[in-house]
C-alpha atoms as a PDB file:
ATOM      1  CA  MET A   1      10.722  26.397   6.593  1.00  0.00           C
ATOM      2  CA  GLN A   2      10.838  26.635  10.366  1.00  0.00           C
ATOM      3  CA  PRO A   3       7.776  28.949  10.687  1.00  0.00           C
ATOM      4  CA  GLN A   4       5.728  26.457   8.600  1.00  0.00           C
ATOM      5  CA  ALA A   5       6.855  23.616  10.842  1.00  0.00           C
ATOM      6  CA  ASN A   6       5.803  25.592  13.895  1.00  0.00           C
ATOM      7  CA  VAL A   7       2.386  26.291  12.339  1.00  0.00           C
ATOM      8  CA  ALA A   8       1.888  22.563  11.656  1.00  0.00           C
ATOM      9  CA  LEU A   9       2.926  21.722  15.202  1.00  0.00           C
ATOM     10  CA  ASN A  10       0.474  24.236  16.646  1.00  0.00           C
ATOM     11  CA  THR A  11      -2.306  22.982  14.375  1.00  0.00           C
ATOM     12  CA  ASN A  12      -1.793  19.425  15.651  1.00  0.00           C
ATOM     13  CA  ARG A  13      -1.567  20.435  19.295  1.00  0.00           C
ATOM     14  CA  TRP A  14      -4.486  19.214  21.386  1.00  0.00           C
ATOM     15  CA  THR A  15      -6.509  21.739  23.371  1.00  0.00           C
ATOM     16  CA  MET A  16      -8.637  21.225  26.473  1.00  0.00           C
ATOM     17  CA  ARG A  17     -11.694  21.472  24.220  1.00  0.00           C
ATOM     18  CA  ASP A  18     -10.372  18.584  22.121  1.00  0.00           C
ATOM     19  CA  PHE A  19      -9.962  16.372  25.193  1.00  0.00           C
ATOM     20  CA  ILE A  20     -13.467  17.264  26.412  1.00  0.00           C
ATOM     21  CA  THR A  21     -14.873  16.424  22.966  1.00  0.00           C
ATOM     22  CA  LEU A  22     -12.948  13.142  22.974  1.00  0.00           C
ATOM     23  CA  ALA A  23     -14.323  12.248  26.411  1.00  0.00           C
ATOM     24  CA  ILE A  24     -17.941  13.054  25.531  1.00  0.00           C
ATOM     25  CA  PHE A  25     -17.934  11.078  22.289  1.00  0.00           C
ATOM     26  CA  ASN A  26     -16.167   8.129  23.898  1.00  0.00           C
ATOM     27  CA  VAL A  27     -18.800   8.008  26.628  1.00  0.00           C
ATOM     28  CA  VAL A  28     -21.464   7.766  23.911  1.00  0.00           C
ATOM     29  CA  MET A  29     -19.567   5.024  22.067  1.00  0.00           C
ATOM     30  CA  LEU A  30     -18.946   3.069  25.281  1.00  0.00           C
ATOM     31  CA  ILE A  31     -22.636   3.256  26.166  1.00  0.00           C
ATOM     32  CA  ILE A  32     -23.517   1.856  22.736  1.00  0.00           C
ATOM     33  CA  LEU A  33     -20.908  -0.908  23.054  1.00  0.00           C
ATOM     34  CA  THR A  34     -22.055  -1.843  26.565  1.00  0.00           C
ATOM     35  CA  ALA A  35     -25.740  -1.796  25.630  1.00  0.00           C
ATOM     36  CA  CYS A  36     -25.147  -4.056  22.621  1.00  0.00           C
ATOM     37  CA  ASN A  37     -23.052  -6.513  24.648  1.00  0.00           C
ATOM     38  CA  MET A  38     -25.692  -6.663  27.390  1.00  0.00           C
ATOM     39  CA  MET A  39     -28.755  -6.946  25.143  1.00  0.00           C
ATOM     40  CA  ILE A  40     -27.473  -9.527  22.667  1.00  0.00           C
ATOM     41  CA  VAL A  41     -26.552 -12.819  24.348  1.00  0.00           C
ATOM     42  CA  HIS A  42     -26.625 -15.196  21.360  1.00  0.00           C
ATOM     43  CA  PRO A  43     -23.318 -17.079  20.857  1.00  0.00           C
ATOM     44  CA  ILE A  44     -22.996 -15.657  17.342  1.00  0.00           C
ATOM     45  CA  TRP A  45     -22.375 -12.266  18.965  1.00  0.00           C
ATOM     46  CA  HIS A  46     -18.791 -13.377  19.675  1.00  0.00           C
ATOM     47  CA  LEU A  47     -18.358 -13.620  15.919  1.00  0.00           C
ATOM     48  CA  ILE A  48     -20.154 -10.518  14.670  1.00  0.00           C
ATOM     49  CA  GLY A  49     -20.298  -8.264  17.739  1.00  0.00           C
ATOM     50  CA  GLY A  50     -17.228  -6.197  16.871  1.00  0.00           C
ATOM     51  CA  GLY A  51     -18.516  -5.511  13.373  1.00  0.00           C
ATOM     52  CA  VAL A  52     -22.017  -4.584  14.505  1.00  0.00           C
ATOM     53  CA  VAL A  53     -20.775  -2.208  17.222  1.00  0.00           C
ATOM     54  CA  ALA A  54     -18.252  -0.703  14.787  1.00  0.00           C
ATOM     55  CA  LEU A  55     -21.060  -0.108  12.278  1.00  0.00           C
ATOM     56  CA  ILE A  56     -23.313   1.566  14.850  1.00  0.00           C
ATOM     57  CA  ASN A  57     -20.497   3.639  16.344  1.00  0.00           C
ATOM     58  CA  GLY A  58     -19.060   4.550  12.932  1.00  0.00           C
ATOM     59  CA  PRO A  59     -21.106   7.754  12.420  1.00  0.00           C
ATOM     60  CA  VAL A  60     -20.371   8.855  16.005  1.00  0.00           C
ATOM     61  CA  TYR A  61     -16.659   8.270  15.449  1.00  0.00           C
ATOM     62  CA  MET A  62     -16.688  10.179  12.151  1.00  0.00           C
ATOM     63  CA  VAL A  63     -18.181  13.249  13.812  1.00  0.00           C
ATOM     64  CA  LEU A  64     -15.528  12.973  16.542  1.00  0.00           C
ATOM     65  CA  ALA A  65     -12.708  12.606  14.012  1.00  0.00           C
ATOM     66  CA  SER A  66     -14.009  15.550  11.992  1.00  0.00           C
ATOM     67  CA  LYS A  67     -14.447  17.808  15.040  1.00  0.00           C
ATOM     68  CA  ILE A  68     -10.914  17.185  16.371  1.00  0.00           C
ATOM     69  CA  GLY A  69      -9.126  16.343  13.127  1.00  0.00           C
ATOM     70  CA  LYS A  70      -5.703  15.906  14.735  1.00  0.00           C
ATOM     71  CA  PRO A  71      -3.265  13.004  15.088  1.00  0.00           C
ATOM     72  CA  GLY A  72      -3.937  10.953  18.198  1.00  0.00           C
ATOM     73  CA  VAL A  73      -7.717  10.514  17.969  1.00  0.00           C
ATOM     74  CA  LEU A  74      -7.591   6.755  17.443  1.00  0.00           C
ATOM     75  CA  PHE A  75      -4.725   6.253  19.882  1.00  0.00           C
ATOM     76  CA  PHE A  76      -6.597   8.051  22.659  1.00  0.00           C
ATOM     77  CA  ASN A  77      -9.776   6.151  21.745  1.00  0.00           C
ATOM     78  CA  SER A  78      -7.824   2.912  22.143  1.00  0.00           C
ATOM     79  CA  ILE A  79      -6.468   3.934  25.541  1.00  0.00           C
ATOM     80  CA  ILE A  80      -9.922   4.926  26.795  1.00  0.00           C
ATOM     81  CA  LEU A  81     -11.410   1.608  25.655  1.00  0.00           C
ATOM     82  CA  GLY A  82      -8.507  -0.238  27.262  1.00  0.00           C
ATOM     83  CA  LEU A  83      -9.000   1.616  30.544  1.00  0.00           C
ATOM     84  CA  TYR A  84     -12.709   0.820  30.424  1.00  0.00           C
ATOM     85  CA  TYR A  85     -11.963  -2.911  30.289  1.00  0.00           C
ATOM     86  CA  THR A  86      -9.172  -2.579  32.844  1.00  0.00           C
ATOM     87  CA  ALA A  87     -11.818  -1.370  35.305  1.00  0.00           C
ATOM     88  CA  PHE A  88     -13.442  -4.807  34.920  1.00  0.00           C
ATOM     89  CA  GLY A  89     -10.147  -6.610  35.525  1.00  0.00           C
ATOM     90  CA  PHE A  90      -9.064  -7.117  31.910  1.00  0.00           C
ATOM     91  CA  ILE A  91      -5.667  -5.389  32.124  1.00  0.00           C
ATOM     92  CA  TYR A  92      -4.377  -7.237  29.058  1.00  0.00           C
ATOM     93  CA  PHE A  93      -6.903  -5.411  26.883  1.00  0.00           C
ATOM     94  CA  LEU A  94      -5.207  -2.097  27.636  1.00  0.00           C
ATOM     95  CA  MET A  95      -1.829  -3.383  26.426  1.00  0.00           C
ATOM     96  CA  ILE A  96      -3.302  -4.842  23.237  1.00  0.00           C
ATOM     97  CA  LEU A  97      -5.365  -1.763  22.455  1.00  0.00           C
ATOM     98  CA  ALA A  98      -2.402   0.554  23.088  1.00  0.00           C
ATOM     99  CA  VAL A  99      -0.400  -1.372  20.473  1.00  0.00           C
ATOM    100  CA  PHE A 100      -3.271  -1.241  17.988  1.00  0.00           C
ATOM    101  CA  GLY A 101      -3.807   2.437  18.770  1.00  0.00           C
ATOM    102  CA  ALA A 102      -0.206   3.067  17.708  1.00  0.00           C
ATOM    103  CA  LEU A 103      -0.806   1.029  14.524  1.00  0.00           C
ATOM    104  CA  CYS A 104      -3.887   3.134  13.839  1.00  0.00           C
ATOM    105  CA  GLU A 105      -1.840   6.312  14.051  1.00  0.00           C
ATOM    106  CA  LEU A 106       0.722   4.881  11.627  1.00  0.00           C
ATOM    107  CA  ALA A 107      -2.122   4.162   9.212  1.00  0.00           C
ATOM    108  CA  MET A 108      -3.400   7.728   9.675  1.00  0.00           C
ATOM    109  CA  ARG A 109      -0.080   9.477   9.026  1.00  0.00           C
ATOM    110  CA  GLY A 110      -0.281  12.464   6.721  1.00  0.00           C
ATOM    111  CA  SER A 111      -1.983  15.827   6.521  1.00  0.00           C
ATOM    112  CA  GLY A 112      -5.722  16.029   7.169  1.00  0.00           C
ATOM    113  CA  THR A 113      -6.245  12.275   7.251  1.00  0.00           C
ATOM    114  CA  TYR A 114      -8.817  12.500  10.047  1.00  0.00           C
ATOM    115  CA  LYS A 115     -10.997  14.511   7.653  1.00  0.00           C
ATOM    116  CA  LYS A 116     -10.915  11.788   4.954  1.00  0.00           C
ATOM    117  CA  ALA A 117     -13.484   8.993   4.908  1.00  0.00           C
ATOM    118  CA  ALA A 118     -11.252   6.390   3.238  1.00  0.00           C
ATOM    119  CA  ARG A 119      -8.343   6.906   5.626  1.00  0.00           C
ATOM    120  CA  ASN A 120     -10.675   6.857   8.609  1.00  0.00           C
ATOM    121  CA  ALA A 121     -12.171   3.598   7.356  1.00  0.00           C
ATOM    122  CA  ILE A 122      -8.689   2.053   7.413  1.00  0.00           C
ATOM    123  CA  GLY A 123      -7.655   3.445  10.792  1.00  0.00           C
ATOM    124  CA  TYR A 124     -11.007   2.767  12.441  1.00  0.00           C
ATOM    125  CA  GLY A 125     -10.970  -0.728  10.925  1.00  0.00           C
ATOM    126  CA  ILE A 126      -7.595  -1.457  12.537  1.00  0.00           C
ATOM    127  CA  TYR A 127      -8.986  -0.134  15.835  1.00  0.00           C
ATOM    128  CA  TYR A 128     -11.850  -2.641  15.803  1.00  0.00           C
ATOM    129  CA  VAL A 129      -9.633  -5.487  14.637  1.00  0.00           C
ATOM    130  CA  GLY A 130      -7.614  -4.772  17.794  1.00  0.00           C
ATOM    131  CA  TYR A 131     -10.839  -4.848  19.793  1.00  0.00           C
ATOM    132  CA  SER A 132     -11.731  -8.243  18.314  1.00  0.00           C
ATOM    133  CA  LEU A 133      -8.273  -9.638  19.101  1.00  0.00           C
ATOM    134  CA  CYS A 134      -8.537  -8.647  22.773  1.00  0.00           C
ATOM    135  CA  GLY A 135     -10.149 -11.996  23.520  1.00  0.00           C
ATOM    136  CA  PHE A 136      -7.617 -13.958  21.484  1.00  0.00           C
ATOM    137  CA  VAL A 137      -4.158 -12.513  22.154  1.00  0.00           C
ATOM    138  CA  PRO A 138      -4.193 -13.035  25.959  1.00  0.00           C
ATOM    139  CA  LEU A 139      -5.036 -16.710  25.411  1.00  0.00           C
ATOM    140  CA  ILE A 140      -1.815 -17.006  23.409  1.00  0.00           C
ATOM    141  CA  LEU A 141       0.521 -14.832  25.482  1.00  0.00           C
ATOM    142  CA  PHE A 142      -0.896 -14.970  29.028  1.00  0.00           C
ATOM    143  CA  ARG A 143      -3.156 -18.008  28.985  1.00  0.00           C
ATOM    144  CA  GLU A 144      -2.835 -19.136  32.612  1.00  0.00           C
ATOM    145  CA  GLN A 145      -3.292 -15.677  34.149  1.00  0.00           C
ATOM    146  CA  TYR A 146      -6.017 -14.728  31.682  1.00  0.00           C
ATOM    147  CA  MET A 147      -7.960 -17.935  32.304  1.00  0.00           C
ATOM    148  CA  SER A 148      -8.009 -17.204  36.031  1.00  0.00           C
ATOM    149  CA  ILE A 149      -9.614 -13.812  35.284  1.00  0.00           C
ATOM    150  CA  LEU A 150     -12.165 -15.362  32.926  1.00  0.00           C
ATOM    151  CA  GLU A 151     -13.124 -18.060  35.422  1.00  0.00           C
ATOM    152  CA  GLN A 152     -14.104 -15.323  37.883  1.00  0.00           C
ATOM    153  CA  SER A 153     -16.170 -13.472  35.279  1.00  0.00           C
ATOM    154  CA  TYR A 154     -18.038 -16.228  33.416  1.00  0.00           C
ATOM    155  CA  THR A 155     -20.019 -19.355  34.217  1.00  0.00           C
ATOM    156  CA  PRO A 156     -18.389 -22.614  33.004  1.00  0.00           C
ATOM    157  CA  ALA A 157     -20.905 -22.875  30.148  1.00  0.00           C
ATOM    158  CA  LYS A 158     -20.344 -19.275  28.993  1.00  0.00           C
ATOM    159  CA  LEU A 159     -16.584 -19.674  29.298  1.00  0.00           C
ATOM    160  CA  GLU A 160     -16.592 -22.835  27.180  1.00  0.00           C
ATOM    161  CA  GLU A 161     -18.708 -21.057  24.565  1.00  0.00           C
ATOM    162  CA  MET A 162     -16.383 -18.058  24.477  1.00  0.00           C
ATOM    163  CA  LEU A 163     -13.238 -20.177  24.315  1.00  0.00           C
ATOM    164  CA  TYR A 164     -14.574 -22.018  21.285  1.00  0.00           C
ATOM    165  CA  TYR A 165     -14.695 -18.783  19.301  1.00  0.00           C
ATOM    166  CA  TYR A 166     -11.484 -17.213  20.595  1.00  0.00           C
ATOM    167  CA  SER A 167      -9.416 -20.412  20.453  1.00  0.00           C
ATOM    168  CA  THR A 168     -10.401 -21.350  16.894  1.00  0.00           C
ATOM    169  CA  PRO A 169      -8.205 -19.541  14.325  1.00  0.00           C
ATOM    170  CA  SER A 170     -10.875 -19.587  11.602  1.00  0.00           C
ATOM    171  CA  MET A 171     -13.381 -17.980  13.993  1.00  0.00           C
ATOM    172  CA  VAL A 172     -10.863 -15.289  14.971  1.00  0.00           C
ATOM    173  CA  ILE A 173     -10.169 -14.496  11.306  1.00  0.00           C
ATOM    174  CA  ILE A 174     -13.908 -14.154  10.636  1.00  0.00           C
ATOM    175  CA  MET A 175     -14.233 -11.845  13.670  1.00  0.00           C
ATOM    176  CA  CYS A 176     -11.465  -9.594  12.372  1.00  0.00           C
ATOM    177  CA  VAL A 177     -12.881  -9.475   8.831  1.00  0.00           C
ATOM    178  CA  VAL A 178     -16.400  -8.711  10.087  1.00  0.00           C
ATOM    179  CA  SER A 179     -15.023  -6.021  12.400  1.00  0.00           C
ATOM    180  CA  PHE A 180     -13.040  -4.371   9.619  1.00  0.00           C
ATOM    181  CA  VAL A 181     -15.952  -4.463   7.161  1.00  0.00           C
ATOM    182  CA  GLY A 182     -18.365  -3.131   9.795  1.00  0.00           C
ATOM    183  CA  SER A 183     -15.913  -0.332  10.606  1.00  0.00           C
ATOM    184  CA  ALA A 184     -15.517   0.657   6.968  1.00  0.00           C
ATOM    185  CA  ALA A 185     -19.286   0.659   6.440  1.00  0.00           C
ATOM    186  CA  GLY A 186     -19.771   2.705   9.617  1.00  0.00           C
ATOM    187  CA  CYS A 187     -17.240   5.289   8.456  1.00  0.00           C
ATOM    188  CA  LEU A 188     -18.823   5.578   5.014  1.00  0.00           C
ATOM    189  CA  ALA A 189     -22.257   5.998   6.605  1.00  0.00           C
ATOM    190  CA  GLY A 190     -20.798   8.577   8.971  1.00  0.00           C
ATOM    191  CA  SER A 191     -19.151  10.449   6.110  1.00  0.00           C
ATOM    192  CA  ALA A 192     -22.458  10.604   4.228  1.00  0.00           C
ATOM    193  CA  LEU A 193     -24.160  11.861   7.397  1.00  0.00           C
ATOM    194  CA  LEU A 194     -21.511  14.556   7.832  1.00  0.00           C
ATOM    195  CA  LYS A 195     -21.961  15.804   4.272  1.00  0.00           C
ATOM    196  CA  LYS A 196     -25.752  15.735   4.325  1.00  0.00           C
ATOM    197  CA  HIS A 197     -26.736  16.855   7.817  1.00  0.00           C
ATOM    198  CA  VAL A 198     -24.036  17.561  10.398  1.00  0.00           C
ATOM    199  CA  ARG A 199     -22.007  20.117   8.452  1.00  0.00           C
ATOM    200  CA  LYS A 200     -25.165  21.847   7.254  1.00  0.00           C
ATOM    201  CA  ALA A 201     -26.183  22.193  10.874  1.00  0.00           C
ATOM    202  CA  LYS A 202     -22.694  23.619  11.568  1.00  0.00           C
ATOM    203  CA  LEU A 203     -21.955  20.985  14.232  1.00  0.00           C
ATOM    204  CA  VAL A 204     -18.435  20.470  12.843  1.00  0.00           C
END
């Protein structure tokens, strides 16, 4: 039994190539996220933004998950996204995303789960629910400190608009549902793409 355990451990061990792949794909996904957030300024974006970005990034994520295929993909994705927002002063996002990254890995426990569309849809959905809650949780746990950060980053009108969505429980629930559904749809689209084009081209 011990040799089999060692083989499994070696199979799950990350290589330098895995980390480079993770970095490249995360850069692509962050560019997409940033571009969407910059181009779409309508207030409804607070409500549907997570789901739309998750849908667009879904195929990119599925190629990443398939290429690496090891535990830790979603956790490291969460840390990278958290660090990205930390660079803009939103340190609380890193803490929230780290917790959700750990939850993602719990949802992805098992052999070969990063190669399965349904399991990825669940894990990736949890990841984007965590992303959606990044604007809500700090208002509950660190309101005073978080508000001081927001006041430096937004005009009073934009801040009032944002607070309406992230301070209203029904709006937050809708955000999370839309994010999860968008994630699942993105993963299914990505899985279809993998089967039809990417694997035929021997990219994974």
